[in-house]
Amino acid sequence: MGFTYRSRRVEEDLEEGVLFWVESSKVRMFFSKNDEGLILLKPSAELLSTRVAEQFPNASSEFRDAVKCFVTARNTGCVFHLMRSLEFGLRALGAVFSVSLEHTNWGSAIDQIESHIRAMHVDPKWKALPDCKDQQEFYAQAAAHFGVLKDAWRNHTAHVRSNYDQEDALDILQSVRAFFRKLAVRLSETP
């Protein structure tokens, strides 16, 4: 009796929506059970980290959209959303040096940021800080990483030059996640 009822209920549920099959490896990576036993996409704090989710809420939202694309095999869409998430990180880095991304592209913004970073050791505002060298190293690494991301994936994704398979998307997703964890040590979307 119970089996018949459950089968009928499943059929009714399927009539009302769409069922997606997700590979078990992706379920283990990106999903968790809630208190009612439903399997849901993990919250941003689990997908990235609590610090990243708090300091980069808009980037975290894009990252979650990237994960949704990844688990449904929309790999190029995944990379697209990852590049959108990174823009929030680049804006945060630009804000440190009063470089706006409002009317410029990533290349120009990164060039301006790198110019400010190179001048940190002679700028009295920065030079007076006891950890000036540490900050310069952190910001230089971040800017260089943005430059690599721009050339490797952002430009190709934004200008429809590349498509990505599952392995590419997962590699990029893991790289962006690690990069945001590093950025969140000193940066956030809102200064």
N, C-alpha and C. Protein backbone atom coordinates (compact mmCIF):
# COMPACT_ATOMS: atom_id res chain seq x y z
N MET A 1 0.82 -1.20 0.00
CA MET A 1 0.00 0.00 0.00
C MET A 1 0.86 1.25 0.00
N GLY A 2 1.87 1.33 0.92
CA GLY A 2 2.73 2.50 0.99
C GLY A 2 3.47 2.75 -0.30
N PHE A 3 3.89 1.66 -0.96
CA PHE A 3 4.64 1.81 -2.21
C PHE A 3 3.77 2.43 -3.30
N THR A 4 2.54 1.98 -3.40
CA THR A 4 1.63 2.50 -4.41
C THR A 4 1.37 3.99 -4.18
N TYR A 5 1.16 4.36 -2.93
CA TYR A 5 0.94 5.77 -2.61
C TYR A 5 2.15 6.61 -3.00
N ARG A 6 3.34 6.12 -2.63
CA ARG A 6 4.57 6.87 -2.94
C ARG A 6 4.78 6.99 -4.44
N SER A 7 4.53 5.90 -5.16
CA SER A 7 4.70 5.94 -6.61
C SER A 7 3.76 6.97 -7.24
N ARG A 8 2.52 6.98 -6.78
CA ARG A 8 1.55 7.94 -7.30
C ARG A 8 1.99 9.36 -6.96
N ARG A 9 2.47 9.57 -5.75
CA ARG A 9 2.91 10.91 -5.32
C ARG A 9 4.10 11.38 -6.17
N VAL A 10 5.04 10.48 -6.45
CA VAL A 10 6.18 10.83 -7.30
C VAL A 10 5.69 11.21 -8.70
N GLU A 11 4.76 10.44 -9.23
CA GLU A 11 4.20 10.77 -10.55
C GLU A 11 3.53 12.13 -10.55
N GLU A 12 2.78 12.44 -9.49
CA GLU A 12 2.13 13.75 -9.38
C GLU A 12 3.16 14.87 -9.32
N ASP A 13 4.20 14.64 -8.54
CA ASP A 13 5.26 15.66 -8.44
C ASP A 13 5.93 15.89 -9.78
N LEU A 14 6.18 14.83 -10.51
CA LEU A 14 6.84 14.96 -11.81
C LEU A 14 5.96 15.69 -12.82
N GLU A 15 4.66 15.55 -12.69
CA GLU A 15 3.76 16.27 -13.59
C GLU A 15 3.82 17.77 -13.35
N GLU A 16 4.20 18.18 -12.15
CA GLU A 16 4.23 19.59 -11.79
C GLU A 16 5.57 20.26 -12.04
N GLY A 17 6.59 19.50 -12.40
CA GLY A 17 7.90 20.11 -12.57
C GLY A 17 8.81 19.26 -13.42
N VAL A 18 10.07 19.57 -13.33
CA VAL A 18 11.09 18.89 -14.09
C VAL A 18 12.05 18.24 -13.12
N LEU A 19 12.49 17.07 -13.46
CA LEU A 19 13.44 16.34 -12.62
C LEU A 19 14.80 16.38 -13.31
N PHE A 20 15.82 16.83 -12.59
CA PHE A 20 17.18 16.82 -13.12
C PHE A 20 17.96 15.73 -12.42
N TRP A 21 18.73 15.01 -13.19
CA TRP A 21 19.62 14.02 -12.63
C TRP A 21 20.99 14.68 -12.50
N VAL A 22 21.57 14.59 -11.32
CA VAL A 22 22.88 15.18 -11.06
C VAL A 22 23.83 14.06 -10.65
N GLU A 23 25.01 14.05 -11.26
CA GLU A 23 26.00 13.02 -10.94
C GLU A 23 26.28 13.01 -9.44
N SER A 24 26.48 11.82 -8.91
CA SER A 24 26.69 11.68 -7.46
C SER A 24 27.93 12.45 -6.98
N SER A 25 28.97 12.53 -7.81
CA SER A 25 30.17 13.28 -7.39
C SER A 25 29.85 14.77 -7.23
N LYS A 26 28.98 15.28 -8.09
CA LYS A 26 28.58 16.68 -7.99
C LYS A 26 27.67 16.90 -6.79
N VAL A 27 26.82 15.92 -6.50
CA VAL A 27 25.96 16.03 -5.32
C VAL A 27 26.83 16.12 -4.07
N ARG A 28 27.82 15.26 -3.96
CA ARG A 28 28.70 15.28 -2.78
C ARG A 28 29.45 16.61 -2.66
N MET A 29 29.84 17.18 -3.78
CA MET A 29 30.61 18.43 -3.76
C MET A 29 29.77 19.65 -3.42
N PHE A 30 28.56 19.72 -3.95
CA PHE A 30 27.83 20.98 -3.94
C PHE A 30 26.47 20.96 -3.23
N PHE A 31 26.03 19.80 -2.77
CA PHE A 31 24.71 19.71 -2.15
C PHE A 31 24.81 19.17 -0.73
N SER A 32 23.81 19.49 0.07
CA SER A 32 23.71 18.95 1.42
C SER A 32 22.23 18.80 1.76
N LYS A 33 21.95 17.98 2.78
CA LYS A 33 20.57 17.78 3.22
C LYS A 33 20.21 18.84 4.25
N ASN A 34 18.96 19.33 4.15
CA ASN A 34 18.47 20.27 5.16
C ASN A 34 17.81 19.48 6.29
N ASP A 35 17.23 20.18 7.24
CA ASP A 35 16.61 19.54 8.40
C ASP A 35 15.44 18.62 8.02
N GLU A 36 14.78 18.90 6.91
CA GLU A 36 13.66 18.06 6.48
C GLU A 36 14.10 16.90 5.61
N GLY A 37 15.41 16.80 5.37
CA GLY A 37 15.92 15.71 4.54
C GLY A 37 15.97 16.02 3.07
N LEU A 38 15.62 17.24 2.68
CA LEU A 38 15.70 17.63 1.27
C LEU A 38 17.14 17.91 0.89
N ILE A 39 17.51 17.53 -0.30
CA ILE A 39 18.86 17.78 -0.78
C ILE A 39 18.84 19.10 -1.54
N LEU A 40 19.60 20.07 -1.04
CA LEU A 40 19.63 21.42 -1.61
C LEU A 40 21.06 21.84 -1.90
N LEU A 41 21.20 22.80 -2.80
CA LEU A 41 22.51 23.38 -3.06
C LEU A 41 23.04 23.99 -1.77
N LYS A 42 24.30 23.73 -1.49
CA LYS A 42 24.90 24.25 -0.26
C LYS A 42 24.84 25.78 -0.25
N PRO A 43 24.74 26.37 0.93
CA PRO A 43 24.78 27.84 1.01
C PRO A 43 26.18 28.35 0.63
N SER A 44 26.24 29.63 0.28
CA SER A 44 27.51 30.24 -0.15
C SER A 44 28.61 30.05 0.88
N ALA A 45 28.25 30.12 2.16
CA ALA A 45 29.26 29.97 3.21
C ALA A 45 29.94 28.61 3.14
N GLU A 46 29.22 27.60 2.67
CA GLU A 46 29.82 26.27 2.53
C GLU A 46 30.51 26.11 1.18
N LEU A 47 29.96 26.72 0.13
CA LEU A 47 30.56 26.60 -1.19
C LEU A 47 31.88 27.36 -1.28
N LEU A 48 31.93 28.51 -0.66
CA LEU A 48 33.14 29.35 -0.70
C LEU A 48 33.81 29.33 0.67
N SER A 49 33.30 30.12 1.56
CA SER A 49 33.68 30.17 2.98
C SER A 49 32.78 31.23 3.60
N THR A 50 32.66 31.19 4.90
CA THR A 50 31.82 32.19 5.57
C THR A 50 32.35 33.58 5.31
N ARG A 51 33.67 33.73 5.39
CA ARG A 51 34.28 35.05 5.19
C ARG A 51 33.99 35.57 3.78
N VAL A 52 34.16 34.75 2.77
CA VAL A 52 33.90 35.19 1.39
C VAL A 52 32.43 35.54 1.22
N ALA A 53 31.55 34.69 1.72
CA ALA A 53 30.11 34.94 1.58
C ALA A 53 29.71 36.26 2.23
N GLU A 54 30.31 36.58 3.37
CA GLU A 54 29.99 37.83 4.06
C GLU A 54 30.62 39.04 3.38
N GLN A 55 31.84 38.92 2.92
CA GLN A 55 32.56 40.06 2.37
C GLN A 55 32.30 40.29 0.88
N PHE A 56 31.84 39.25 0.20
CA PHE A 56 31.56 39.35 -1.23
C PHE A 56 30.18 38.75 -1.54
N PRO A 57 29.10 39.34 -1.02
CA PRO A 57 27.77 38.74 -1.23
C PRO A 57 27.35 38.68 -2.70
N ASN A 58 27.64 39.71 -3.47
CA ASN A 58 27.26 39.68 -4.90
C ASN A 58 28.09 38.67 -5.67
N ALA A 59 29.36 38.61 -5.36
CA ALA A 59 30.23 37.61 -5.99
C ALA A 59 29.78 36.21 -5.61
N SER A 60 29.36 36.04 -4.36
CA SER A 60 28.88 34.73 -3.89
C SER A 60 27.64 34.30 -4.64
N SER A 61 26.76 35.25 -4.94
CA SER A 61 25.55 34.95 -5.71
C SER A 61 25.91 34.47 -7.11
N GLU A 62 26.84 35.15 -7.74
CA GLU A 62 27.31 34.73 -9.07
C GLU A 62 27.98 33.37 -9.00
N PHE A 63 28.73 33.14 -7.92
CA PHE A 63 29.41 31.86 -7.76
C PHE A 63 28.37 30.73 -7.64
N ARG A 64 27.30 30.97 -6.89
CA ARG A 64 26.24 29.97 -6.77
C ARG A 64 25.59 29.70 -8.14
N ASP A 65 25.41 30.76 -8.94
CA ASP A 65 24.87 30.57 -10.28
C ASP A 65 25.85 29.74 -11.13
N ALA A 66 27.13 29.96 -10.94
CA ALA A 66 28.14 29.17 -11.65
C ALA A 66 28.03 27.70 -11.26
N VAL A 67 27.85 27.43 -9.98
CA VAL A 67 27.71 26.05 -9.52
C VAL A 67 26.45 25.43 -10.11
N LYS A 68 25.35 26.17 -10.15
CA LYS A 68 24.11 25.65 -10.74
C LYS A 68 24.34 25.28 -12.21
N CYS A 69 25.07 26.12 -12.92
CA CYS A 69 25.39 25.80 -14.32
C CYS A 69 26.27 24.55 -14.40
N PHE A 70 27.24 24.46 -13.51
CA PHE A 70 28.14 23.31 -13.53
C PHE A 70 27.39 22.01 -13.30
N VAL A 71 26.53 21.97 -12.29
CA VAL A 71 25.84 20.71 -11.97
C VAL A 71 24.82 20.33 -13.04
N THR A 72 24.38 21.27 -13.86
CA THR A 72 23.46 20.95 -14.95
C THR A 72 24.18 20.89 -16.29
N ALA A 73 25.51 20.75 -16.25
CA ALA A 73 26.35 20.56 -17.44
C ALA A 73 26.32 21.75 -18.39
N ARG A 74 26.11 22.94 -17.86
CA ARG A 74 26.20 24.18 -18.65
C ARG A 74 27.56 24.79 -18.34
N ASN A 75 28.61 24.15 -18.84
CA ASN A 75 29.98 24.45 -18.44
C ASN A 75 30.45 25.84 -18.86
N THR A 76 30.12 26.26 -20.05
CA THR A 76 30.49 27.60 -20.48
C THR A 76 29.74 28.64 -19.65
N GLY A 77 28.48 28.38 -19.33
CA GLY A 77 27.71 29.26 -18.44
C GLY A 77 28.35 29.34 -17.07
N CYS A 78 28.87 28.22 -16.60
CA CYS A 78 29.58 28.20 -15.31
C CYS A 78 30.74 29.18 -15.34
N VAL A 79 31.56 29.10 -16.37
CA VAL A 79 32.73 29.98 -16.47
C VAL A 79 32.29 31.43 -16.62
N PHE A 80 31.23 31.67 -17.37
CA PHE A 80 30.70 33.02 -17.52
C PHE A 80 30.35 33.62 -16.16
N HIS A 81 29.61 32.88 -15.33
CA HIS A 81 29.23 33.39 -14.01
C HIS A 81 30.46 33.54 -13.10
N LEU A 82 31.43 32.68 -13.24
CA LEU A 82 32.66 32.84 -12.44
C LEU A 82 33.37 34.13 -12.80
N MET A 83 33.40 34.46 -14.09
CA MET A 83 34.05 35.71 -14.50
C MET A 83 33.27 36.91 -13.99
N ARG A 84 31.95 36.81 -13.98
CA ARG A 84 31.13 37.89 -13.40
C ARG A 84 31.42 38.03 -11.91
N SER A 85 31.58 36.91 -11.22
CA SER A 85 31.87 36.98 -9.78
C SER A 85 33.20 37.69 -9.55
N LEU A 86 34.16 37.41 -10.40
CA LEU A 86 35.48 38.02 -10.23
C LEU A 86 35.46 39.54 -10.39
N GLU A 87 34.52 40.04 -11.16
CA GLU A 87 34.45 41.49 -11.33
C GLU A 87 34.23 42.19 -9.99
N PHE A 88 33.49 41.57 -9.08
CA PHE A 88 33.29 42.16 -7.75
C PHE A 88 34.60 42.19 -6.98
N GLY A 89 35.43 41.19 -7.17
CA GLY A 89 36.75 41.18 -6.54
C GLY A 89 37.65 42.25 -7.13
N LEU A 90 37.62 42.40 -8.45
CA LEU A 90 38.44 43.42 -9.09
C LEU A 90 37.99 44.82 -8.69
N ARG A 91 36.70 45.02 -8.57
CA ARG A 91 36.19 46.33 -8.10
C ARG A 91 36.69 46.63 -6.69
N ALA A 92 36.69 45.60 -5.83
CA ALA A 92 37.18 45.79 -4.46
C ALA A 92 38.66 46.14 -4.45
N LEU A 93 39.43 45.49 -5.28
CA LEU A 93 40.86 45.81 -5.38
C LEU A 93 41.03 47.23 -5.93
N GLY A 94 40.28 47.58 -6.94
CA GLY A 94 40.35 48.93 -7.51
C GLY A 94 40.00 49.99 -6.49
N ALA A 95 39.03 49.72 -5.64
CA ALA A 95 38.60 50.70 -4.63
C ALA A 95 39.73 51.06 -3.67
N VAL A 96 40.61 50.11 -3.39
CA VAL A 96 41.75 50.38 -2.50
C VAL A 96 42.63 51.48 -3.08
N PHE A 97 42.71 51.53 -4.40
CA PHE A 97 43.60 52.50 -5.07
C PHE A 97 42.82 53.56 -5.84
N SER A 98 41.54 53.72 -5.52
CA SER A 98 40.67 54.70 -6.18
C SER A 98 40.61 54.52 -7.69
N VAL A 99 40.58 53.27 -8.13
CA VAL A 99 40.44 52.95 -9.55
C VAL A 99 39.05 52.37 -9.74
N SER A 100 38.25 53.03 -10.55
CA SER A 100 36.87 52.61 -10.79
C SER A 100 36.81 51.75 -12.06
N LEU A 101 35.93 50.78 -12.03
CA LEU A 101 35.70 49.97 -13.22
C LEU A 101 34.46 50.43 -13.98
N GLU A 102 33.85 51.52 -13.56
CA GLU A 102 32.59 51.97 -14.15
C GLU A 102 32.69 52.25 -15.65
N HIS A 103 33.73 52.91 -16.08
CA HIS A 103 33.83 53.29 -17.49
C HIS A 103 35.14 52.83 -18.10
N THR A 104 35.56 51.64 -17.72
CA THR A 104 36.80 51.11 -18.28
C THR A 104 36.71 49.59 -18.34
N ASN A 105 37.67 49.01 -19.02
CA ASN A 105 37.69 47.55 -19.10
C ASN A 105 38.70 46.98 -18.10
N TRP A 106 38.71 45.66 -17.98
CA TRP A 106 39.59 45.03 -17.01
C TRP A 106 41.06 45.38 -17.25
N GLY A 107 41.48 45.37 -18.50
CA GLY A 107 42.89 45.64 -18.82
C GLY A 107 43.34 47.00 -18.33
N SER A 108 42.57 48.03 -18.63
CA SER A 108 42.91 49.38 -18.19
C SER A 108 42.89 49.49 -16.68
N ALA A 109 41.89 48.90 -16.05
CA ALA A 109 41.79 48.95 -14.59
C ALA A 109 42.99 48.25 -13.94
N ILE A 110 43.33 47.08 -14.44
CA ILE A 110 44.47 46.33 -13.88
C ILE A 110 45.77 47.11 -14.07
N ASP A 111 45.94 47.73 -15.22
CA ASP A 111 47.13 48.56 -15.45
C ASP A 111 47.22 49.70 -14.44
N GLN A 112 46.10 50.38 -14.21
CA GLN A 112 46.08 51.48 -13.24
C GLN A 112 46.38 50.97 -11.82
N ILE A 113 45.77 49.86 -11.46
CA ILE A 113 45.99 49.29 -10.13
C ILE A 113 47.46 48.91 -9.95
N GLU A 114 48.03 48.25 -10.95
CA GLU A 114 49.44 47.84 -10.86
C GLU A 114 50.36 49.04 -10.74
N SER A 115 50.03 50.12 -11.42
CA SER A 115 50.82 51.34 -11.32
C SER A 115 50.82 51.87 -9.88
N HIS A 116 49.65 51.87 -9.25
CA HIS A 116 49.55 52.31 -7.85
C HIS A 116 50.31 51.37 -6.92
N ILE A 117 50.25 50.09 -7.19
CA ILE A 117 50.94 49.10 -6.35
C ILE A 117 52.45 49.31 -6.43
N ARG A 118 52.96 49.53 -7.64
CA ARG A 118 54.41 49.76 -7.80
C ARG A 118 54.86 51.02 -7.05
N ALA A 119 53.98 52.00 -6.89
CA ALA A 119 54.33 53.25 -6.23
C ALA A 119 54.09 53.22 -4.72
N MET A 120 53.58 52.13 -4.19
CA MET A 120 53.25 52.07 -2.76
C MET A 120 54.45 52.38 -1.86
N HIS A 121 55.62 51.88 -2.22
CA HIS A 121 56.79 52.05 -1.35
C HIS A 121 57.31 53.49 -1.29
N VAL A 122 56.82 54.35 -2.21
CA VAL A 122 57.22 55.76 -2.17
C VAL A 122 56.08 56.69 -1.78
N ASP A 123 54.87 56.18 -1.75
CA ASP A 123 53.70 56.96 -1.37
C ASP A 123 53.70 57.09 0.16
N PRO A 124 53.73 58.33 0.69
CA PRO A 124 53.80 58.51 2.15
C PRO A 124 52.65 57.83 2.90
N LYS A 125 51.47 57.82 2.30
CA LYS A 125 50.31 57.18 2.94
C LYS A 125 50.58 55.69 3.18
N TRP A 126 51.13 55.02 2.20
CA TRP A 126 51.41 53.59 2.30
C TRP A 126 52.70 53.32 3.05
N LYS A 127 53.71 54.11 2.75
CA LYS A 127 55.04 53.90 3.32
C LYS A 127 55.01 53.95 4.85
N ALA A 128 54.11 54.74 5.42
CA ALA A 128 54.03 54.90 6.88
C ALA A 128 53.44 53.66 7.57
N LEU A 129 52.80 52.79 6.81
CA LEU A 129 52.19 51.60 7.41
C LEU A 129 53.26 50.56 7.76
N PRO A 130 53.16 49.97 8.94
CA PRO A 130 54.18 48.99 9.34
C PRO A 130 54.20 47.73 8.46
N ASP A 131 53.08 47.43 7.83
CA ASP A 131 53.02 46.23 6.99
C ASP A 131 52.94 46.60 5.50
N CYS A 132 53.54 47.72 5.13
CA CYS A 132 53.48 48.21 3.75
C CYS A 132 53.98 47.14 2.77
N LYS A 133 55.09 46.52 3.06
CA LYS A 133 55.65 45.52 2.14
C LYS A 133 54.71 44.31 2.01
N ASP A 134 54.11 43.89 3.13
CA ASP A 134 53.17 42.77 3.08
C ASP A 134 51.95 43.13 2.24
N GLN A 135 51.45 44.34 2.44
CA GLN A 135 50.29 44.77 1.65
C GLN A 135 50.63 44.88 0.17
N GLN A 136 51.80 45.42 -0.11
CA GLN A 136 52.23 45.55 -1.51
C GLN A 136 52.33 44.16 -2.15
N GLU A 137 52.88 43.20 -1.43
CA GLU A 137 52.98 41.84 -1.96
C GLU A 137 51.59 41.26 -2.21
N PHE A 138 50.68 41.40 -1.25
CA PHE A 138 49.32 40.89 -1.39
C PHE A 138 48.63 41.51 -2.60
N TYR A 139 48.65 42.84 -2.70
CA TYR A 139 47.96 43.52 -3.80
C TYR A 139 48.61 43.22 -5.14
N ALA A 140 49.92 43.10 -5.18
CA ALA A 140 50.61 42.77 -6.43
C ALA A 140 50.22 41.37 -6.91
N GLN A 141 50.14 40.42 -5.98
CA GLN A 141 49.73 39.07 -6.35
C GLN A 141 48.29 39.06 -6.85
N ALA A 142 47.42 39.79 -6.16
CA ALA A 142 46.02 39.84 -6.57
C ALA A 142 45.88 40.45 -7.97
N ALA A 143 46.56 41.56 -8.20
CA ALA A 143 46.48 42.22 -9.51
C ALA A 143 47.03 41.32 -10.61
N ALA A 144 48.14 40.65 -10.33
CA ALA A 144 48.72 39.74 -11.32
C ALA A 144 47.75 38.60 -11.63
N HIS A 145 47.11 38.09 -10.59
CA HIS A 145 46.16 37.01 -10.77
C HIS A 145 44.97 37.47 -11.63
N PHE A 146 44.48 38.68 -11.38
CA PHE A 146 43.40 39.21 -12.21
C PHE A 146 43.84 39.32 -13.67
N GLY A 147 45.07 39.73 -13.89
CA GLY A 147 45.58 39.83 -15.25
C GLY A 147 45.59 38.47 -15.94
N VAL A 148 46.02 37.45 -15.22
CA VAL A 148 46.04 36.10 -15.78
C VAL A 148 44.61 35.61 -16.06
N LEU A 149 43.71 35.84 -15.11
CA LEU A 149 42.32 35.42 -15.30
C LEU A 149 41.69 36.11 -16.51
N LYS A 150 41.99 37.40 -16.65
CA LYS A 150 41.46 38.17 -17.79
C LYS A 150 41.93 37.55 -19.10
N ASP A 151 43.21 37.30 -19.21
CA ASP A 151 43.76 36.77 -20.46
C ASP A 151 43.40 35.31 -20.71
N ALA A 152 43.33 34.53 -19.64
CA ALA A 152 43.07 33.10 -19.80
C ALA A 152 41.61 32.79 -20.05
N TRP A 153 40.69 33.44 -19.33
CA TRP A 153 39.30 33.03 -19.41
C TRP A 153 38.31 34.17 -19.61
N ARG A 154 38.48 35.29 -18.92
CA ARG A 154 37.46 36.33 -18.95
C ARG A 154 37.22 36.85 -20.37
N ASN A 155 38.27 37.24 -21.05
CA ASN A 155 38.11 37.78 -22.40
C ASN A 155 37.50 36.76 -23.36
N HIS A 156 37.95 35.51 -23.24
CA HIS A 156 37.46 34.47 -24.14
C HIS A 156 35.99 34.14 -23.88
N THR A 157 35.58 34.24 -22.62
CA THR A 157 34.19 33.96 -22.28
C THR A 157 33.29 35.13 -22.65
N ALA A 158 33.71 36.33 -22.29
CA ALA A 158 32.89 37.52 -22.53
C ALA A 158 32.72 37.82 -24.02
N HIS A 159 33.70 37.45 -24.82
CA HIS A 159 33.66 37.77 -26.25
C HIS A 159 33.39 36.54 -27.11
N VAL A 160 32.80 35.52 -26.52
CA VAL A 160 32.34 34.31 -27.21
C VAL A 160 33.44 33.68 -28.06
N ARG A 161 34.61 33.52 -27.47
CA ARG A 161 35.72 32.91 -28.20
C ARG A 161 35.96 31.47 -27.79
N SER A 162 35.41 31.06 -26.66
CA SER A 162 35.68 29.71 -26.16
C SER A 162 34.44 29.06 -25.58
N ASN A 163 34.45 27.75 -25.62
CA ASN A 163 33.48 26.93 -24.91
C ASN A 163 34.28 26.04 -23.98
N TYR A 164 33.66 25.64 -22.89
CA TYR A 164 34.38 24.88 -21.87
C TYR A 164 33.69 23.56 -21.59
N ASP A 165 34.50 22.53 -21.35
CA ASP A 165 33.94 21.24 -20.97
C ASP A 165 33.91 21.13 -19.44
N GLN A 166 33.43 20.00 -18.95
CA GLN A 166 33.27 19.83 -17.51
C GLN A 166 34.59 19.94 -16.76
N GLU A 167 35.63 19.36 -17.28
CA GLU A 167 36.93 19.42 -16.61
C GLU A 167 37.45 20.85 -16.53
N ASP A 168 37.34 21.59 -17.64
CA ASP A 168 37.76 23.00 -17.64
C ASP A 168 36.96 23.79 -16.61
N ALA A 169 35.64 23.62 -16.64
CA ALA A 169 34.76 24.39 -15.73
C ALA A 169 35.10 24.09 -14.28
N LEU A 170 35.33 22.83 -13.94
CA LEU A 170 35.65 22.48 -12.56
C LEU A 170 37.00 23.08 -12.15
N ASP A 171 37.98 23.01 -13.03
CA ASP A 171 39.30 23.60 -12.72
C ASP A 171 39.17 25.10 -12.47
N ILE A 172 38.43 25.79 -13.31
CA ILE A 172 38.26 27.24 -13.18
C ILE A 172 37.46 27.55 -11.92
N LEU A 173 36.42 26.77 -11.65
CA LEU A 173 35.61 26.97 -10.45
C LEU A 173 36.48 26.84 -9.19
N GLN A 174 37.30 25.82 -9.13
CA GLN A 174 38.16 25.62 -7.96
C GLN A 174 39.20 26.74 -7.84
N SER A 175 39.71 27.20 -8.97
CA SER A 175 40.68 28.30 -8.96
C SER A 175 40.05 29.59 -8.46
N VAL A 176 38.85 29.89 -8.95
CA VAL A 176 38.16 31.12 -8.52
C VAL A 176 37.82 31.04 -7.04
N ARG A 177 37.37 29.88 -6.58
CA ARG A 177 37.05 29.72 -5.16
C ARG A 177 38.30 29.98 -4.30
N ALA A 178 39.42 29.40 -4.66
CA ALA A 178 40.66 29.60 -3.90
C ALA A 178 41.09 31.06 -3.94
N PHE A 179 40.94 31.70 -5.09
CA PHE A 179 41.32 33.11 -5.22
C PHE A 179 40.46 34.01 -4.34
N PHE A 180 39.16 33.75 -4.30
CA PHE A 180 38.29 34.55 -3.43
C PHE A 180 38.64 34.37 -1.96
N ARG A 181 39.03 33.18 -1.59
CA ARG A 181 39.44 32.97 -0.19
C ARG A 181 40.66 33.81 0.14
N LYS A 182 41.55 33.94 -0.82
CA LYS A 182 42.74 34.79 -0.61
C LYS A 182 42.34 36.26 -0.58
N LEU A 183 41.50 36.69 -1.53
CA LEU A 183 41.08 38.09 -1.57
C LEU A 183 40.40 38.51 -0.29
N ALA A 184 39.58 37.64 0.27
CA ALA A 184 38.77 37.98 1.45
C ALA A 184 39.62 38.23 2.69
N VAL A 185 40.91 37.91 2.63
CA VAL A 185 41.81 38.19 3.76
C VAL A 185 41.92 39.71 3.98
N ARG A 186 41.90 40.49 2.88
CA ARG A 186 42.08 41.94 2.98
C ARG A 186 41.01 42.78 2.29
N LEU A 187 40.18 42.15 1.47
CA LEU A 187 39.24 42.92 0.66
C LEU A 187 37.80 42.51 0.91
N SER A 188 36.88 43.41 0.56
CA SER A 188 35.46 43.09 0.55
C SER A 188 34.77 44.01 -0.46
N GLU A 189 33.56 43.65 -0.84
CA GLU A 189 32.82 44.44 -1.82
C GLU A 189 32.55 45.85 -1.33
N THR A 190 32.25 45.99 -0.07
CA THR A 190 32.00 47.31 0.49
C THR A 190 33.11 47.66 1.47
N PRO A 191 33.86 48.70 1.15
CA PRO A 191 35.00 49.07 2.02
C PRO A 191 34.57 49.54 3.39
